[in-house]
Protein backbone atom coordinates (compact mmCIF):
# COMPACT_ATOMS: atom_id res chain seq x y z
CA MET A 1 128.73 127.15 133.39
CA SER A 2 128.49 123.87 131.34
CA GLN A 3 130.86 120.96 131.81
CA ARG A 4 133.52 120.36 129.31
CA ASP A 5 134.28 117.18 127.40
CA ASP A 6 138.02 116.28 127.48
CA ALA A 7 137.89 114.52 124.13
CA ASN A 8 136.83 117.47 121.93
CA ASN A 9 136.62 120.49 124.18
CA GLU A 10 132.87 121.00 123.36
CA PRO A 11 130.22 121.70 125.99
CA GLU A 12 128.43 118.60 127.22
CA ILE A 13 125.10 117.72 125.49
CA ASN A 14 121.93 118.75 127.25
CA GLU A 15 118.30 117.95 126.39
CA SER A 16 117.89 121.52 125.08
CA ASP A 17 120.61 120.78 122.45
CA PHE A 18 118.38 118.34 120.58
CA PRO A 19 116.15 119.79 117.83
CA ILE A 20 112.39 119.12 118.34
CA ASP A 21 110.42 117.57 115.46
CA SER A 22 106.88 118.74 115.79
CA GLY A 23 106.12 118.08 112.07
CA GLN A 24 105.78 121.81 111.41
CA GLU A 25 109.21 122.86 110.19
CA GLN A 26 112.51 121.60 108.81
CA PHE A 27 115.34 120.92 111.18
CA GLU A 28 118.81 119.39 111.31
CA PRO A 29 119.25 116.48 113.68
CA LEU A 30 122.00 116.73 116.24
CA GLN A 31 125.25 115.03 115.17
CA LEU A 32 126.66 112.97 118.03
CA THR A 33 128.18 109.71 119.20
CA VAL A 34 126.31 107.38 121.56
CA ASP A 35 128.85 105.27 123.48
CA GLY A 36 131.27 106.01 120.57
CA HIS A 37 128.78 105.02 117.81
CA PRO A 38 128.02 107.88 115.33
CA ALA A 39 124.34 108.83 115.25
CA LYS A 40 121.90 111.63 114.69
CA GLY A 41 119.42 112.58 117.48
CA LEU A 42 116.17 114.53 117.82
CA ILE A 43 113.23 114.81 120.10
CA THR A 44 109.81 114.35 118.67
CA ASP A 45 106.46 115.51 119.97
CA ARG A 46 104.37 115.00 116.82
CA VAL A 47 100.65 115.08 117.34
CA GLY A 48 99.32 111.78 118.69
CA TRP A 49 102.65 110.77 120.25
CA SER A 50 104.16 111.29 123.70
CA THR A 51 107.45 113.29 123.63
CA ARG A 52 110.30 110.93 122.90
CA ILE A 53 113.92 110.93 122.05
CA VAL A 54 115.13 109.25 118.80
CA LEU A 55 118.59 108.18 117.99
CA LEU A 56 119.37 107.03 114.38
CA PHE A 57 122.74 105.18 114.11
CA GLU A 58 124.96 105.35 110.95
CA GLN A 59 125.88 101.75 111.50
CA PRO A 60 123.87 99.35 113.62
CA HIS A 61 124.48 99.70 117.34
CA PRO A 62 125.31 96.40 118.95
CA LYS A 63 122.38 96.72 121.41
CA PHE A 64 119.83 98.91 119.54
CA GLY A 65 120.42 98.26 115.88
CA LYS A 66 119.74 101.20 113.53
CA GLU A 67 117.30 103.12 115.70
CA PHE A 68 116.67 103.79 119.43
CA MET A 69 113.54 105.50 120.63
CA THR A 70 112.04 105.99 124.11
CA LYS A 71 109.63 108.33 125.92
CA LYS A 72 111.14 107.47 129.34
CA PHE A 73 114.39 109.51 129.29
CA PHE A 74 116.36 112.38 130.85
CA ILE A 75 119.81 113.73 130.24
CA GLU A 76 121.46 114.22 133.59
CA PRO A 77 124.25 114.89 134.27
CA ALA A 78 124.93 116.60 130.93
CA GLY A 79 126.39 114.18 128.37
CA TYR A 80 124.56 111.08 129.79
CA LEU A 81 121.23 109.78 128.49
CA ASN A 82 119.30 107.82 131.12
CA TYR A 83 116.37 105.81 129.81
CA GLY A 84 113.83 103.23 130.83
CA TYR A 85 113.89 101.75 134.32
CA GLU A 86 117.33 101.34 135.94
CA GLN A 87 119.32 101.21 132.68
CA LYS A 88 122.95 102.05 132.43
CA PRO A 89 123.22 105.63 130.95
CA LEU A 90 124.45 106.12 127.42
CA ARG A 91 127.41 108.51 126.88
CA LEU A 92 126.66 111.27 124.44
CA LYS A 93 129.35 113.35 122.77
CA ARG A 94 129.18 115.95 120.01
CA ILE A 95 130.78 115.20 116.61
């Protein structure tokens, strides 16, 4: 059973919730907030690239600006994006 988010009663975001952009078909990015900042998210594995997560912010994020991308990531526990080496996790919530 998935965890519940108290703020909007939606299931927590997991890696499998992100659409995958392989360059082959159309898709809608996941609408979410990242530490309270509205964004769109996807996972890309286009030819020639390692699999990576991409977050596109509606307004510049104070730390990342308009876009954040990394290939070193995992979402665990659900709703928390861990990235890089020993970074504080980012809180992901559905919009």
